[in-house]
Amino acid sequence: MPENKVTSTTYQKTLSQAEAIDKQIIITKQALKLFPKPWKDFTLSVGNEKYYTHIESESCTCMGPQKPHEHYWLRDEKTKQLLEWKIGSKLKFEKTTEKEFKLEQIK
C-alpha cells in the first residue's frame, strides 16, 4: 500500500501502480484540505516550470450505490509531461501560499 503523509503545509505520497500507468495523482480526502476546492485553479511549480492546474473531482459508486462518494485527482497534461511516472516514486506537494504549490519528485 502506498504511503501518504499530510501536514498543514505538505502532502507526501508514493505513486501506486494505477497512478503511474494512468499518469494521474490521487489526492486523498485528508490531503484535499491542503488544496483549493476541486476545479479551482492554483499555481503549481515543478522544477523550473510554473503553471495553473486544479484538482478534479469525480463521483463514484465503486463501494456500491448505497455509498456514493468522490475521488480526487491531479491529472493535467503539464504534470503528465513533467513527472517520471515510476511505481513507488515519492512525491511531495508543498503549499507556499493559499494558491501556490510546489511539487517535488524525490528520487
N, C-alpha and C. Protein backbone atom coordinates (compact mmCIF):
# COMPACT_ATOMS: atom_id res chain seq x y z
N MET A 1 0.85 -1.19 0.00
CA MET A 1 0.00 0.00 0.00
C MET A 1 0.89 1.24 0.00
N PRO A 2 0.64 2.18 -0.91
CA PRO A 2 1.46 3.39 -0.95
C PRO A 2 1.36 4.19 0.34
N GLU A 3 2.45 4.89 0.66
CA GLU A 3 2.50 5.70 1.88
C GLU A 3 2.01 7.11 1.57
N ASN A 4 1.23 7.67 2.49
CA ASN A 4 0.75 9.05 2.38
C ASN A 4 0.96 9.74 3.72
N LYS A 5 1.37 11.01 3.66
CA LYS A 5 1.53 11.79 4.88
C LYS A 5 1.05 13.20 4.59
N VAL A 6 0.17 13.71 5.44
CA VAL A 6 -0.39 15.04 5.26
C VAL A 6 -0.09 15.88 6.50
N THR A 7 0.42 17.10 6.28
CA THR A 7 0.59 18.08 7.36
C THR A 7 -0.19 19.33 6.95
N SER A 8 -0.06 20.40 7.71
CA SER A 8 -0.78 21.63 7.37
C SER A 8 -0.23 22.30 6.11
N THR A 9 1.00 21.95 5.70
CA THR A 9 1.59 22.58 4.51
C THR A 9 2.13 21.58 3.49
N THR A 10 2.08 20.29 3.77
CA THR A 10 2.64 19.32 2.82
C THR A 10 1.75 18.09 2.65
N TYR A 11 1.90 17.48 1.48
CA TYR A 11 1.27 16.19 1.18
C TYR A 11 2.35 15.35 0.50
N GLN A 12 2.74 14.27 1.18
CA GLN A 12 3.74 13.36 0.63
C GLN A 12 3.07 12.03 0.33
N LYS A 13 3.42 11.46 -0.81
CA LYS A 13 2.80 10.20 -1.19
C LYS A 13 3.74 9.39 -2.08
N THR A 14 3.41 8.12 -2.20
CA THR A 14 4.13 7.20 -3.07
C THR A 14 3.20 6.85 -4.23
N LEU A 15 3.71 6.95 -5.45
CA LEU A 15 2.87 6.63 -6.61
C LEU A 15 2.52 5.15 -6.65
N SER A 16 1.25 4.87 -6.80
CA SER A 16 0.79 3.49 -6.93
C SER A 16 0.95 3.04 -8.39
N GLN A 17 0.77 1.76 -8.61
CA GLN A 17 0.85 1.23 -9.97
C GLN A 17 -0.21 1.89 -10.86
N ALA A 18 -1.43 1.99 -10.36
CA ALA A 18 -2.51 2.60 -11.15
C ALA A 18 -2.21 4.06 -11.48
N GLU A 19 -1.68 4.81 -10.52
CA GLU A 19 -1.34 6.22 -10.77
C GLU A 19 -0.25 6.33 -11.83
N ALA A 20 0.77 5.50 -11.72
CA ALA A 20 1.88 5.54 -12.68
C ALA A 20 1.41 5.18 -14.08
N ILE A 21 0.58 4.16 -14.19
CA ILE A 21 0.08 3.74 -15.50
C ILE A 21 -0.83 4.81 -16.12
N ASP A 22 -1.74 5.35 -15.32
CA ASP A 22 -2.71 6.34 -15.82
C ASP A 22 -2.18 7.77 -15.82
N LYS A 23 -1.00 7.99 -15.25
CA LYS A 23 -0.37 9.31 -15.15
C LYS A 23 -1.32 10.33 -14.51
N GLN A 24 -1.79 9.95 -13.32
CA GLN A 24 -2.64 10.84 -12.54
C GLN A 24 -2.35 10.61 -11.06
N ILE A 25 -2.46 11.66 -10.27
CA ILE A 25 -2.12 11.59 -8.85
C ILE A 25 -3.41 11.64 -8.04
N ILE A 26 -3.60 10.62 -7.22
CA ILE A 26 -4.75 10.61 -6.32
C ILE A 26 -4.50 11.61 -5.20
N ILE A 27 -5.49 12.43 -4.94
CA ILE A 27 -5.44 13.35 -3.81
C ILE A 27 -6.40 12.77 -2.77
N THR A 28 -5.88 12.35 -1.65
CA THR A 28 -6.73 11.74 -0.62
C THR A 28 -7.66 12.78 -0.01
N LYS A 29 -8.71 12.31 0.62
CA LYS A 29 -9.65 13.22 1.27
C LYS A 29 -8.94 14.04 2.35
N GLN A 30 -7.99 13.41 3.06
CA GLN A 30 -7.22 14.13 4.09
C GLN A 30 -6.36 15.22 3.46
N ALA A 31 -5.76 14.93 2.30
CA ALA A 31 -4.89 15.90 1.63
C ALA A 31 -5.69 17.00 0.95
N LEU A 32 -6.92 16.73 0.61
CA LEU A 32 -7.75 17.69 -0.11
C LEU A 32 -7.86 19.02 0.62
N LYS A 33 -7.86 18.98 1.95
CA LYS A 33 -7.99 20.22 2.73
C LYS A 33 -6.79 21.16 2.56
N LEU A 34 -5.68 20.64 2.07
CA LEU A 34 -4.48 21.44 1.83
C LEU A 34 -4.64 22.32 0.58
N PHE A 35 -5.41 21.85 -0.38
CA PHE A 35 -5.54 22.48 -1.69
C PHE A 35 -6.80 23.34 -1.79
N PRO A 36 -6.85 24.22 -2.81
CA PRO A 36 -8.12 24.90 -3.08
C PRO A 36 -9.20 23.87 -3.43
N LYS A 37 -10.45 24.26 -3.36
CA LYS A 37 -11.56 23.35 -3.66
C LYS A 37 -11.40 22.77 -5.07
N PRO A 38 -11.93 21.57 -5.30
CA PRO A 38 -11.84 20.98 -6.65
C PRO A 38 -12.33 21.95 -7.73
N TRP A 39 -11.64 21.93 -8.85
CA TRP A 39 -11.91 22.72 -10.05
C TRP A 39 -11.50 24.18 -9.91
N LYS A 40 -10.94 24.59 -8.75
CA LYS A 40 -10.45 25.96 -8.57
C LYS A 40 -8.96 25.98 -8.91
N ASP A 41 -8.55 26.86 -9.81
CA ASP A 41 -7.16 26.91 -10.25
C ASP A 41 -6.21 27.35 -9.14
N PHE A 42 -5.01 26.78 -9.20
CA PHE A 42 -3.89 27.21 -8.36
C PHE A 42 -2.62 27.06 -9.19
N THR A 43 -1.55 27.67 -8.71
CA THR A 43 -0.27 27.60 -9.41
C THR A 43 0.53 26.44 -8.85
N LEU A 44 1.09 25.64 -9.75
CA LEU A 44 1.93 24.52 -9.35
C LEU A 44 3.30 24.70 -9.99
N SER A 45 4.35 24.58 -9.19
CA SER A 45 5.73 24.62 -9.68
C SER A 45 6.31 23.22 -9.63
N VAL A 46 6.84 22.79 -10.77
CA VAL A 46 7.54 21.50 -10.87
C VAL A 46 8.87 21.81 -11.54
N GLY A 47 9.96 21.68 -10.79
CA GLY A 47 11.26 22.07 -11.33
C GLY A 47 11.24 23.55 -11.68
N ASN A 48 11.62 23.89 -12.92
CA ASN A 48 11.63 25.29 -13.36
C ASN A 48 10.31 25.72 -14.00
N GLU A 49 9.37 24.81 -14.09
CA GLU A 49 8.07 25.09 -14.71
C GLU A 49 7.05 25.55 -13.67
N LYS A 50 6.27 26.56 -14.04
CA LYS A 50 5.21 27.07 -13.17
C LYS A 50 3.96 27.23 -14.03
N TYR A 51 2.84 26.66 -13.59
CA TYR A 51 1.63 26.66 -14.42
C TYR A 51 0.38 26.53 -13.56
N TYR A 52 -0.76 26.85 -14.17
CA TYR A 52 -2.04 26.72 -13.47
C TYR A 52 -2.59 25.31 -13.65
N THR A 53 -3.19 24.79 -12.61
CA THR A 53 -3.84 23.50 -12.65
C THR A 53 -4.96 23.50 -11.61
N HIS A 54 -5.60 22.36 -11.42
CA HIS A 54 -6.64 22.23 -10.41
C HIS A 54 -6.82 20.76 -10.06
N ILE A 55 -7.45 20.53 -8.93
CA ILE A 55 -7.83 19.18 -8.51
C ILE A 55 -9.17 18.87 -9.16
N GLU A 56 -9.29 17.70 -9.76
CA GLU A 56 -10.56 17.27 -10.33
C GLU A 56 -11.29 16.38 -9.33
N SER A 57 -12.61 16.46 -9.35
CA SER A 57 -13.42 15.55 -8.53
C SER A 57 -14.26 14.70 -9.46
N GLU A 58 -14.52 13.48 -9.02
CA GLU A 58 -15.29 12.54 -9.83
C GLU A 58 -16.22 11.75 -8.92
N SER A 59 -17.51 11.78 -9.22
CA SER A 59 -18.47 11.00 -8.44
C SER A 59 -18.25 9.52 -8.72
N CYS A 60 -18.46 8.70 -7.68
CA CYS A 60 -18.17 7.28 -7.82
C CYS A 60 -19.10 6.44 -6.95
N THR A 61 -19.38 5.24 -7.42
CA THR A 61 -20.15 4.27 -6.64
C THR A 61 -19.38 2.95 -6.57
N CYS A 62 -18.05 3.02 -6.54
CA CYS A 62 -17.23 1.80 -6.53
C CYS A 62 -17.45 0.97 -5.26
N MET A 63 -18.03 1.57 -4.24
CA MET A 63 -18.33 0.85 -3.00
C MET A 63 -19.81 0.47 -2.93
N GLY A 64 -20.49 0.57 -4.06
CA GLY A 64 -21.90 0.25 -4.13
C GLY A 64 -22.76 1.49 -4.20
N PRO A 65 -23.98 1.36 -4.75
CA PRO A 65 -24.85 2.53 -4.91
C PRO A 65 -25.30 3.15 -3.58
N GLN A 66 -25.21 2.40 -2.49
CA GLN A 66 -25.59 2.94 -1.18
C GLN A 66 -24.48 3.80 -0.58
N LYS A 67 -23.29 3.77 -1.18
CA LYS A 67 -22.16 4.53 -0.64
C LYS A 67 -21.54 5.42 -1.72
N PRO A 68 -22.33 6.34 -2.28
CA PRO A 68 -21.73 7.25 -3.27
C PRO A 68 -20.70 8.15 -2.60
N HIS A 69 -19.66 8.48 -3.33
CA HIS A 69 -18.59 9.31 -2.79
C HIS A 69 -17.84 9.97 -3.95
N GLU A 70 -16.79 10.68 -3.63
CA GLU A 70 -15.98 11.38 -4.63
C GLU A 70 -14.56 10.84 -4.59
N HIS A 71 -13.91 10.86 -5.76
CA HIS A 71 -12.47 10.63 -5.87
C HIS A 71 -11.88 11.95 -6.35
N TYR A 72 -10.63 12.22 -5.95
CA TYR A 72 -9.98 13.48 -6.30
C TYR A 72 -8.65 13.18 -6.97
N TRP A 73 -8.35 13.93 -8.05
CA TRP A 73 -7.18 13.66 -8.87
C TRP A 73 -6.49 14.94 -9.30
N LEU A 74 -5.20 14.84 -9.54
CA LEU A 74 -4.44 15.84 -10.28
C LEU A 74 -4.00 15.11 -11.54
N ARG A 75 -4.51 15.53 -12.69
CA ARG A 75 -4.20 14.78 -13.92
C ARG A 75 -4.16 15.67 -15.15
N ASP A 76 -3.57 16.85 -15.02
CA ASP A 76 -3.45 17.75 -16.16
C ASP A 76 -2.29 17.33 -17.07
N GLU A 77 -2.30 17.82 -18.29
CA GLU A 77 -1.29 17.43 -19.29
C GLU A 77 0.12 17.88 -18.91
N LYS A 78 0.26 19.05 -18.34
CA LYS A 78 1.60 19.56 -17.98
C LYS A 78 2.24 18.68 -16.92
N THR A 79 1.50 18.31 -15.90
CA THR A 79 2.03 17.43 -14.86
C THR A 79 2.39 16.08 -15.46
N LYS A 80 1.57 15.58 -16.36
CA LYS A 80 1.85 14.30 -17.02
C LYS A 80 3.20 14.34 -17.74
N GLN A 81 3.52 15.49 -18.34
CA GLN A 81 4.77 15.64 -19.09
C GLN A 81 5.99 15.79 -18.18
N LEU A 82 5.82 16.43 -17.04
CA LEU A 82 6.97 16.82 -16.21
C LEU A 82 7.45 15.76 -15.23
N LEU A 83 6.59 14.82 -14.85
CA LEU A 83 6.99 13.82 -13.85
C LEU A 83 7.48 12.54 -14.50
N GLU A 84 8.31 11.81 -13.76
CA GLU A 84 8.66 10.45 -14.13
C GLU A 84 7.63 9.56 -13.46
N TRP A 85 6.90 8.82 -14.22
CA TRP A 85 5.78 8.03 -13.69
C TRP A 85 6.25 6.63 -13.34
N LYS A 86 7.05 6.53 -12.30
CA LYS A 86 7.58 5.24 -11.84
C LYS A 86 6.82 4.77 -10.60
N ILE A 87 6.40 3.53 -10.62
CA ILE A 87 5.72 2.94 -9.47
C ILE A 87 6.64 3.04 -8.25
N GLY A 88 6.12 3.50 -7.14
CA GLY A 88 6.90 3.62 -5.92
C GLY A 88 7.65 4.93 -5.78
N SER A 89 7.57 5.78 -6.80
CA SER A 89 8.23 7.08 -6.76
C SER A 89 7.58 7.95 -5.68
N LYS A 90 8.38 8.71 -4.97
CA LYS A 90 7.90 9.57 -3.88
C LYS A 90 7.63 10.98 -4.41
N LEU A 91 6.48 11.53 -4.03
CA LEU A 91 6.10 12.89 -4.40
C LEU A 91 5.87 13.71 -3.15
N LYS A 92 6.19 15.00 -3.24
CA LYS A 92 5.93 15.91 -2.12
C LYS A 92 5.35 17.20 -2.66
N PHE A 93 4.12 17.50 -2.24
CA PHE A 93 3.49 18.79 -2.52
C PHE A 93 3.76 19.68 -1.33
N GLU A 94 4.15 20.92 -1.60
CA GLU A 94 4.35 21.89 -0.52
C GLU A 94 3.54 23.14 -0.82
N LYS A 95 2.71 23.53 0.13
CA LYS A 95 1.90 24.74 -0.01
C LYS A 95 2.76 25.93 0.36
N THR A 96 2.96 26.86 -0.59
CA THR A 96 3.78 28.04 -0.29
C THR A 96 2.90 29.27 0.00
N THR A 97 1.73 29.35 -0.64
CA THR A 97 0.69 30.34 -0.32
C THR A 97 -0.65 29.64 -0.52
N GLU A 98 -1.75 30.36 -0.30
CA GLU A 98 -3.08 29.75 -0.46
C GLU A 98 -3.32 29.19 -1.85
N LYS A 99 -2.70 29.81 -2.87
CA LYS A 99 -2.94 29.38 -4.25
C LYS A 99 -1.66 29.00 -4.98
N GLU A 100 -0.59 28.75 -4.24
CA GLU A 100 0.68 28.35 -4.87
C GLU A 100 1.25 27.13 -4.18
N PHE A 101 1.66 26.17 -5.00
CA PHE A 101 2.19 24.91 -4.50
C PHE A 101 3.42 24.52 -5.30
N LYS A 102 4.27 23.76 -4.65
CA LYS A 102 5.46 23.22 -5.29
C LYS A 102 5.33 21.70 -5.24
N LEU A 103 5.66 21.03 -6.35
CA LEU A 103 5.64 19.58 -6.40
C LEU A 103 7.04 19.09 -6.71
N GLU A 104 7.55 18.24 -5.83
CA GLU A 104 8.90 17.70 -5.97
C GLU A 104 8.81 16.18 -6.05
N GLN A 105 9.55 15.64 -7.00
CA GLN A 105 9.65 14.18 -7.09
C GLN A 105 10.96 13.79 -6.43
N ILE A 106 10.86 12.99 -5.38
CA ILE A 106 12.03 12.58 -4.61
C ILE A 106 12.49 11.24 -5.16
N LYS A 107 13.69 11.22 -5.70
CA LYS A 107 14.16 10.00 -6.37
C LYS A 107 14.95 9.12 -5.46
